[in-house]
Every structure is written in structure tokens, then in C-alpha cells.
Protein backbone atom coordinates (compact mmCIF):
# COMPACT_ATOMS: atom_id res chain seq x y z
CA MET A 1 0.00 0.00 0.00
CA ARG A 2 1.21 3.53 -0.78
CA PRO A 3 2.28 5.55 2.28
CA LEU A 4 -0.39 8.29 2.07
CA PRO A 5 -3.48 6.03 2.16
CA LEU A 6 -1.87 3.91 4.89
CA ILE A 7 -1.11 6.95 7.05
CA ILE A 8 -4.68 8.23 6.64
CA ILE A 9 -6.14 4.82 7.56
CA LEU A 10 -3.94 4.53 10.66
CA LEU A 11 -4.79 8.10 11.65
CA VAL A 12 -8.54 7.57 11.22
CA LEU A 13 -8.55 4.34 13.25
CA ASN A 14 -6.65 5.95 16.11
CA HIS A 15 -8.83 9.06 15.96
CA VAL A 16 -12.00 6.97 16.32
CA ALA A 17 -10.55 5.50 19.52
CA PHE A 18 -9.35 8.92 20.73
CA ASN A 19 -12.55 10.83 19.97
CA GLY A 20 -14.80 8.02 21.18
CA SER A 21 -12.89 7.80 24.45
CA ARG A 22 -13.45 11.50 25.16
CA ILE A 23 -17.19 11.00 24.82
CA ALA A 24 -17.27 7.72 26.73
CA VAL A 25 -15.09 9.09 29.55
CA SER A 26 -17.40 12.09 30.05
CA LEU A 27 -20.60 10.01 29.97
CA PHE A 28 -19.18 7.29 32.24
CA ALA A 29 -18.03 9.90 34.76
CA ILE A 30 -21.53 11.41 34.81
CA LYS A 31 -23.06 7.96 35.30
CA GLN A 32 -20.67 7.41 38.22
CA GLY A 33 -22.05 10.56 39.86
CA ALA A 34 -19.11 12.85 39.09
CA SER A 35 -19.63 16.60 39.40
CA THR A 36 -19.57 19.00 36.47
CA LEU A 37 -16.16 20.18 37.69
CA THR A 38 -14.81 16.63 37.58
CA VAL A 39 -16.13 16.07 34.07
CA GLY A 40 -14.64 19.38 32.95
CA SER A 41 -11.28 18.51 34.46
CA LEU A 42 -11.28 15.15 32.66
CA VAL A 43 -11.87 16.87 29.33
CA ALA A 44 -9.17 19.45 30.07
CA VAL A 45 -6.61 16.77 30.99
CA TYR A 46 -6.82 15.39 27.43
CA ALA A 47 -5.26 18.64 26.18
CA LEU A 48 -2.95 19.49 29.09
CA LEU A 49 0.14 17.37 28.34
CA PRO A 50 -0.14 17.87 24.55
CA ALA A 51 -0.08 21.62 25.20
CA LEU A 52 3.14 21.24 27.19
CA LEU A 53 4.96 18.58 25.15
CA SER A 54 3.95 19.00 21.49
CA VAL A 55 7.03 21.05 20.59
CA THR A 56 9.35 18.51 22.19
CA ALA A 57 7.56 15.76 20.27
CA GLY A 58 7.95 17.74 17.05
CA ARG A 59 11.71 18.05 17.55
CA TRP A 60 11.94 14.31 18.20
CA ILE A 61 10.03 13.59 14.99
CA ASP A 62 12.20 16.00 12.98
CA ARG A 63 15.31 14.08 14.02
CA GLY A 64 14.11 10.47 14.19
CA GLY A 65 11.12 10.13 11.87
CA ILE A 66 7.53 9.11 12.44
CA ALA A 67 7.60 5.31 12.81
CA LYS A 68 8.48 5.08 16.51
CA PRO A 69 6.25 8.00 17.70
CA MET A 70 3.28 6.63 15.76
CA LEU A 71 3.82 3.13 17.15
CA LEU A 72 4.16 4.37 20.74
CA GLY A 73 1.16 6.63 20.22
CA SER A 74 -1.00 3.79 18.89
CA ILE A 75 0.00 1.54 21.81
CA GLY A 76 -0.76 4.37 24.24
CA VAL A 77 -4.22 5.05 22.77
CA GLY A 78 -4.96 1.30 22.91
CA VAL A 79 -3.83 0.90 26.53
CA GLY A 80 -5.61 4.08 27.58
CA THR A 81 -8.96 3.08 26.07
CA LEU A 82 -8.64 -0.47 27.40
CA ALA A 83 -7.97 0.64 30.99
CA PRO A 84 -11.61 1.48 31.96
CA PHE A 85 -12.68 -1.91 30.61
CA LEU A 86 -10.25 -3.58 33.00
CA LEU A 87 -10.80 -1.24 35.97
CA PRO A 88 -13.97 0.89 35.69
CA ALA A 89 -13.36 3.73 38.19
CA ILE A 90 -13.04 7.52 38.19
CA GLY A 91 -9.30 7.33 38.86
CA THR A 92 -8.88 5.13 35.79
CA LEU A 93 -10.64 7.75 33.68
CA TYR A 94 -7.94 10.28 34.58
CA PHE A 95 -5.29 7.77 33.54
CA THR A 96 -7.15 7.29 30.25
CA ALA A 97 -7.44 11.03 29.63
CA VAL A 98 -3.73 11.66 30.27
CA LEU A 99 -2.42 8.69 28.27
CA VAL A 100 -4.82 8.90 25.31
CA GLY A 101 -4.43 12.67 24.96
CA LEU A 102 -0.63 12.50 24.99
CA SER A 103 -0.48 9.43 22.73
CA PHE A 104 -2.78 10.82 20.07
CA MET A 105 -0.72 14.02 19.98
CA LEU A 106 2.28 11.90 18.91
CA ILE A 107 0.20 10.30 16.16
CA ASN A 108 -1.25 13.60 15.00
CA VAL A 109 2.03 15.51 14.70
CA SER A 110 3.73 12.50 13.09
CA ALA A 111 1.02 12.02 10.47
CA TYR A 112 0.88 15.67 9.43
CA HIS A 113 4.66 15.82 9.21
CA ALA A 114 4.82 12.65 7.13
CA VAL A 115 2.22 13.90 4.65
CA GLY A 116 4.07 17.20 4.27
CA GLU A 117 7.41 15.49 3.74
CA MET A 118 6.21 12.93 1.21
CA SER A 119 4.23 15.44 -0.90
CA ALA A 120 5.55 17.57 -3.71
CA PRO A 121 4.88 21.29 -3.07
CA GLU A 122 2.07 21.43 -5.63
CA GLU A 123 0.41 18.35 -4.08
CA ARG A 124 0.52 19.29 -0.40
CA THR A 125 -2.80 21.12 -0.15
CA VAL A 126 -4.63 18.28 -1.91
CA ASN A 127 -2.97 15.62 0.24
CA PHE A 128 -3.68 17.52 3.45
CA SER A 129 -7.31 17.78 2.31
CA TYR A 130 -7.43 13.97 2.12
CA VAL A 131 -6.16 13.83 5.71
CA ALA A 132 -8.81 16.36 6.75
CA LEU A 133 -11.48 14.22 5.06
CA GLY A 134 -10.27 11.29 7.11
CA PHE A 135 -10.68 13.36 10.28
CA SER A 136 -14.18 14.40 9.20
CA THR A 137 -15.08 10.74 8.71
CA SER A 138 -13.76 9.61 12.10
CA THR A 139 -15.38 12.62 13.80
CA PHE A 140 -18.71 11.46 12.38
CA VAL A 141 -18.20 7.75 13.15
CA ALA A 142 -16.84 8.00 16.70
CA PRO A 143 -19.87 9.61 18.45
CA MET A 144 -22.33 7.27 16.73
CA LEU A 145 -20.25 4.17 17.50
CA THR A 146 -19.75 5.24 21.11
CA GLY A 147 -23.40 6.02 21.72
CA ILE A 148 -24.67 2.80 20.14
CA SER A 149 -22.07 0.70 21.98
CA ILE A 150 -22.98 2.21 25.34
CA ASP A 151 -26.72 1.81 24.81
CA SER A 152 -26.42 -1.74 23.48
CA LEU A 153 -23.53 -3.26 25.43
CA GLY A 154 -22.61 -0.91 28.28
CA TYR A 155 -19.64 1.30 29.09
CA ARG A 156 -17.01 -1.40 29.65
CA ALA A 157 -17.73 -3.05 26.31
CA CYS A 158 -17.63 0.37 24.62
CA PHE A 159 -14.08 0.97 25.88
CA LEU A 160 -13.04 -2.48 24.68
CA ILE A 161 -14.47 -1.81 21.21
CA LEU A 162 -12.64 1.51 21.00
CA ALA A 163 -9.38 -0.16 22.04
CA LEU A 164 -9.78 -2.70 19.21
CA PHE A 165 -9.51 0.15 16.69
CA THR A 166 -5.83 0.51 17.64
CA VAL A 167 -4.92 -3.13 16.94
CA LEU A 168 -4.46 -2.70 13.19
CA PRO A 169 -2.30 0.43 13.58
CA VAL A 170 -0.09 -1.31 16.14
CA LEU A 171 0.34 -4.35 13.88
CA ALA A 172 1.02 -2.26 10.75
CA LEU A 173 3.56 -0.04 12.51
CA SER A 174 5.24 -3.00 14.23
CA ALA A 175 5.64 -4.58 10.78
CA LYS A 176 7.36 -1.35 9.63
CA LEU A 177 5.02 -0.82 6.69
CA LEU A 178 5.80 2.90 6.64
CA PRO A 179 8.96 4.01 4.80
CA GLU A 180 12.14 4.52 6.80
CA HIS A 181 13.09 8.00 7.92
CA ARG A 182 15.66 9.78 5.80
CA LYS A 183 18.44 11.14 7.98
CA PRO A 184 18.39 14.95 7.89
CA PRO A 185 21.40 16.86 6.55
CA GLU A 186 24.19 17.53 9.05
CA GLN A 187 23.36 21.23 9.17
CA ASP A 188 19.84 20.34 10.33
CA LEU A 189 21.25 18.34 13.23
CA ALA A 190 22.84 21.41 14.81
CA PRO A 191 21.55 22.48 18.25
CA ARG A 192 18.16 24.17 18.00
CA GLY A 193 17.29 27.54 19.46
CA HIS A 194 14.17 28.28 21.45
CA VAL A 195 10.92 27.25 19.76
CA PHE A 196 9.68 30.83 19.59
CA GLU A 197 12.60 31.63 17.32
CA LEU A 198 10.39 30.06 14.66
CA LEU A 199 8.20 33.14 14.94
CA ARG A 200 11.09 35.37 13.86
CA GLU A 201 10.36 34.11 10.36
CA ARG A 202 7.90 36.67 9.03
CA GLU A 203 5.89 34.16 7.03
CA VAL A 204 5.61 31.76 9.98
CA ARG A 205 4.60 34.60 12.31
CA ARG A 206 1.83 35.76 9.97
CA LEU A 207 0.60 32.21 9.57
CA PHE A 208 0.42 31.62 13.32
CA ILE A 209 -1.65 34.78 13.75
CA ALA A 210 -4.12 33.48 11.17
CA MET A 211 -4.13 30.03 12.82
CA ALA A 212 -4.80 31.58 16.23
CA ILE A 213 -7.87 33.36 14.86
CA LEU A 214 -9.17 30.16 13.24
CA THR A 215 -8.53 28.13 16.41
CA VAL A 216 -10.51 30.55 18.59
CA GLY A 217 -13.25 30.51 15.93
CA TRP A 218 -13.59 26.73 16.27
CA ASP A 219 -13.55 26.89 20.07
CA ILE A 220 -16.23 29.56 20.32
CA TYR A 221 -18.43 27.60 17.92
CA ASN A 222 -18.17 24.43 20.04
CA PHE A 223 -18.95 26.39 23.19
CA ALA A 224 -21.52 28.97 22.09
CA ILE A 225 -23.80 27.13 19.65
CA PRO A 226 -25.25 24.71 22.25
CA VAL A 227 -25.67 27.59 24.73
CA TYR A 228 -27.29 29.88 22.17
CA GLY A 229 -29.56 27.10 20.90
CA ALA A 230 -30.81 26.41 24.42
CA GLN A 231 -31.38 30.13 25.01
CA ILE A 232 -33.62 30.49 21.96
CA GLY A 233 -35.63 27.39 22.89
CA LEU A 234 -34.22 24.72 20.59
CA THR A 235 -34.45 21.10 21.74
CA PRO A 236 -31.28 19.00 22.11
CA SER A 237 -32.12 17.15 18.88
CA GLN A 238 -32.55 20.47 17.02
CA ILE A 239 -29.20 21.69 18.37
CA GLY A 240 -27.66 18.44 17.17
CA ILE A 241 -29.14 18.98 13.69
CA VAL A 242 -27.74 22.52 13.58
CA MET A 243 -24.29 21.31 14.57
CA GLY A 244 -24.62 18.51 12.04
CA ALA A 245 -24.95 21.15 9.31
CA PHE A 246 -21.58 22.54 10.38
CA ALA A 247 -19.98 19.07 10.21
CA ALA A 248 -21.52 18.47 6.77
CA ALA A 249 -20.04 21.74 5.52
CA THR A 250 -16.53 20.91 6.72
CA PHE A 251 -16.76 17.52 4.99
CA ALA A 252 -18.09 19.03 1.76
CA VAL A 253 -15.47 21.76 1.50
CA ARG A 254 -12.64 19.34 2.21
CA LEU A 255 -14.02 16.97 -0.40
CA ALA A 256 -13.92 19.84 -2.89
CA MET A 257 -10.44 20.97 -1.85
CA PRO A 258 -8.57 19.17 -4.70
CA PHE A 259 -10.68 21.22 -7.13
CA ILE A 260 -10.38 24.47 -5.15
CA ALA A 261 -6.62 24.18 -4.52
CA GLY A 262 -5.86 24.23 -8.24
CA ARG A 263 -7.79 27.46 -8.72
CA ALA A 264 -7.04 29.59 -5.65
CA GLN A 265 -3.82 30.87 -4.12
CA PRO A 266 -3.35 29.79 -0.47
CA TRP A 267 -3.51 33.25 1.11
CA SER A 268 -6.47 34.21 -1.09
CA LEU A 269 -8.32 31.12 0.09
CA LEU A 270 -7.46 31.99 3.69
CA THR A 271 -8.75 35.54 3.17
CA GLY A 272 -12.06 34.33 1.74
CA SER A 273 -12.52 31.73 4.47
CA LEU A 274 -12.02 34.24 7.28
CA LEU A 275 -14.41 36.66 5.57
CA LEU A 276 -17.11 33.99 5.19
CA ALA A 277 -16.78 32.87 8.81
CA GLY A 278 -16.88 36.49 10.00
CA ILE A 279 -20.13 37.18 8.14
CA ALA A 280 -21.66 34.02 9.62
CA TYR A 281 -20.77 35.13 13.15
CA VAL A 282 -22.30 38.57 12.51
CA ALA A 283 -25.61 37.02 11.43
CA MET A 284 -25.78 34.33 14.13
CA PRO A 285 -27.41 36.34 16.99
CA PHE A 286 -30.19 37.60 14.69
CA THR A 287 -31.32 34.04 13.89
CA HIS A 288 -33.98 32.16 15.86
CA SER A 289 -35.24 29.44 13.49
CA VAL A 290 -33.68 26.04 12.98
CA GLY A 291 -33.58 26.36 9.19
CA LEU A 292 -31.80 29.71 9.14
CA LEU A 293 -29.42 28.66 11.89
CA MET A 294 -28.54 25.54 9.89
CA ALA A 295 -27.80 27.69 6.84
CA ILE A 296 -25.58 30.03 8.86
CA THR A 297 -23.69 27.23 10.62
CA PHE A 298 -23.21 25.55 7.22
CA MET A 299 -21.64 28.78 5.97
CA LEU A 300 -19.53 28.93 9.12
CA GLY A 301 -18.42 25.33 8.53
CA LEU A 302 -17.31 26.23 5.00
CA GLY A 303 -15.29 29.16 6.34
CA LEU A 304 -13.64 27.29 9.21
CA GLY A 305 -13.26 23.96 7.42
CA ALA A 306 -11.60 25.13 4.22
CA PRO A 307 -8.34 26.62 5.58
CA GLN A 308 -6.91 23.59 7.41
CA PRO A 309 -5.23 21.90 4.39
CA THR A 310 -4.00 25.28 3.16
CA VAL A 311 -2.64 26.28 6.58
CA LEU A 312 -0.76 23.00 6.94
CA THR A 313 0.73 23.44 3.47
CA LEU A 314 1.88 27.00 4.20
CA LEU A 315 3.29 25.95 7.58
CA HIS A 316 5.34 23.14 6.05
CA GLN A 317 6.67 25.42 3.33
CA SER A 318 7.43 28.33 5.67
CA ALA A 319 9.14 26.45 8.51
CA PRO A 320 12.96 26.55 8.58
CA ALA A 321 14.74 23.51 7.15
CA GLY A 322 14.61 20.52 9.48
CA ARG A 323 12.04 22.13 11.82
CA ALA A 324 8.72 21.37 10.11
CA ALA A 325 7.53 18.91 12.77
CA GLU A 326 8.60 21.34 15.49
CA ALA A 327 6.42 24.00 13.86
CA LEU A 328 3.56 21.49 13.76
CA GLY A 329 4.19 20.83 17.45
CA LEU A 330 3.91 24.55 18.18
CA ARG A 331 0.59 24.59 16.27
CA THR A 332 -0.63 21.65 18.36
CA THR A 333 0.45 23.44 21.55
CA MET A 334 -1.55 26.49 20.51
CA ILE A 335 -4.66 24.44 19.73
CA ASN A 336 -4.55 22.45 22.98
CA THR A 337 -3.90 25.56 25.06
CA SER A 338 -6.90 27.22 23.45
CA GLN A 339 -9.07 24.15 24.12
CA THR A 340 -8.04 24.24 27.76
CA VAL A 341 -8.30 27.98 28.45
CA MET A 342 -10.90 29.40 26.06
CA PRO A 343 -13.98 27.53 27.36
CA LEU A 344 -13.34 29.04 30.80
CA PHE A 345 -12.92 32.51 29.29
CA PHE A 346 -15.99 32.18 27.07
CA GLY A 347 -18.04 30.94 30.01
CA ALA A 348 -17.09 33.96 32.11
CA MET A 349 -17.72 36.41 29.27
CA GLY A 350 -21.01 34.75 28.33
CA ALA A 351 -22.23 34.90 31.92
CA ALA A 352 -21.35 38.60 32.17
CA LEU A 353 -22.39 39.86 28.72
CA GLY A 354 -24.49 37.15 27.06
CA VAL A 355 -23.76 35.06 23.99
CA ALA A 356 -24.41 37.70 21.31
CA PRO A 357 -21.34 39.83 22.18
CA LEU A 358 -19.20 36.68 21.92
CA PHE A 359 -20.45 36.13 18.37
CA TRP A 360 -19.88 39.75 17.39
CA GLY A 361 -16.46 39.86 19.00
CA MET A 362 -15.51 36.74 17.08
CA ALA A 363 -16.91 38.29 13.89
CA ALA A 364 -14.70 41.35 14.37
CA LEU A 365 -11.68 39.12 14.90
CA MET A 366 -12.46 37.05 11.80
CA LEU A 367 -13.07 40.08 9.58
CA GLY A 368 -9.90 41.72 10.88
CA GLY A 369 -8.03 38.50 10.16
CA SER A 370 -9.41 38.53 6.61
CA VAL A 371 -7.97 42.02 6.05
CA PHE A 372 -4.68 40.89 7.56
CA ALA A 373 -4.51 37.84 5.26
CA LYS A 374 -5.42 39.93 2.21
CA ARG A 375 -2.49 42.27 2.88
CA ARG A 376 -0.23 39.23 2.80
């Protein structure tokens, strides 16, 4: 099998286990009588170590390749998801959250780095779009599989099923089916400076600003849409339908990315995406019907879903020689820090000002980011 399809398959299988475990851990903790604070802390722990160690992992991958990190990551995800099956207790759930979160970070950074390295410059955006499609697929499959498994077989069996998704990746990586790492040139093995020296590169610095805006846009969507839907009287199933429209948009735009990438320059695509997402956030608080809210969240999904392959392409091209995985690690650190901190910030702001100012503040940030990207 060619490396790209194999990497995507291994990534998708591990992501089903990772994403399903986050859902199962939260629901099992609630069933065990855990407080909202405990459930929140479990979710936060998934992102804590990745936020601290992603850059170190990126440097390791730059020097030694992806095979060992992906194998260790797959084993870690498997052991972490299997643990609650063997010992169903709250303490075990913390072990699962720590180990699975850290292990999947290794897989994630490794896979993105491998796709960037194996792709010709003109193919990177298309290949990253295939990876994003894989993520969209596993993001759709994992919640359904987890929910059905819990309802039909119970929590312990659900964790066992999720752990089984890591068996094929562990076997494939143990058999060394991925190509061997090419040793970097001697000049790339020189001692590295501090990670933030990457931001001295003007192109990298501009790109990280754009990525920060997009990351906060995703986080505010995940936080604010359920809250806003409940405030305007939507039922849980209607909120789920609205959020499903967002997921459908991200899948559709990534499916179309091979066509789009050949007809749009990367920074132009980034400009248009930020503009589209900004307009959607402006309109959101004026909408009270399910149909209109679905249309707006679909537009938001197009805006936030389109840039990921482009951003990864630009990051790989802009990073200094021999430091591409380190730059990916810094991106992962930024995302996990945002996922840990921003929900607390949004909750405080929403309680003080309401949800509408959050939408409009995000709209201003997105529209400002569009102007920034256009100047580039």
C-alpha cells in the first residue's frame, strides 16, 4: 500500500478511539455521579500534556522520523482506552485522559509531518485535504459508534471496542510498513534555538496569527452554539441537527479541496474563508429558526473547514529547514492551550455579557483576520 493512504487509515482508526474515548469518559463519569467540575477537568486533561509537550515531540520527529512515535502513540491510545474496561473507576478515567491525549498528539504531529514530507509542493494542499477528510469521517463515526455501543452493550464493552480500533495500527507499525526515515542533513542536526525563534520568520509569524484566529473561531463555535440554541428554545435534537450542518459543511469543503486548490492561491483562500466565517458570526445572533441557523452554521463550517489543508501546506513550506515537525508541534500546543483555556474565558464572558457579544467579538476578529490575510 502507498504511504499516504496507509497513514490516513492509521490516523482515522486511532482518531475513532481517541474521539470516542473523550465522549465515553465524560458520559461514564456522569453515570458514576461525578460533578460538572470533575467532568470538565477530565476533558481538560486530554489537552494538558499535549499543550506542554507538542514542541518537544515535534523536535523528536524532525530528528528520528515518524515510525516510533506513531507506534508508541497507537499503543498508548490502545492501553488508555482499554484501561476502563479492566478497571472501571473515576481514577482510571484520569489515567485514560492523560495517556490517550498524549499518545494521540504523537500520532497527529507524526502524520501531518509525514504527509508534508512525502508530498511535492504542488500536491501538499490536496494531500492535506485527504487527511482532513479522514478526520471528518472519524469525527462522524466516533460519536455514533460510542453512543450505540454504550446503549447496546454498556460502558465497559464500549471501551473495549474503541481499544480494538488501535490493533491494526499497532500491527502495521510494528511490521514497519511505513517508509524509513531519511536522515536529515548535518546542518539540520545542529543544536536548535528556542521554539519561539520560529516566529522570527515573518511568514511563519503571519501564519500563526491566522491560525490563532481560526482556532478561537472553532472553540467559540463548540462552546456557544449549544448555549445559544438552548437560550432560543431549541431542543437537544434540534441543536444536534444545527451542529450537524456545520460538520456536513466541513466535509463538503474538504471533499472539494482538490478542485479548489488548483484554482485559488493559499492566502487568497485563507482571506475568503475568514471573511465567510466572520459574516456568519455577525448574522448568528439575529437568527432564531432552525432552518436559518442551519444555513448560517453551514456557511460557518465552510469558512472554518476550508483553511486547514492550506494552513498546513503553508506551515510546512514556511518552517525553517529541518524544523517542520517542530512547527507542527507549536501549532498543536496552541490548539490544545486554546481548548483548555478558552472555554473558561468564554463561560465567564457569556455569563457577564451574554452570547451575542461573543459572536460579534468573534466576527470582528475574523473580519480583521481577513484584512490581515489579504495584505499578505
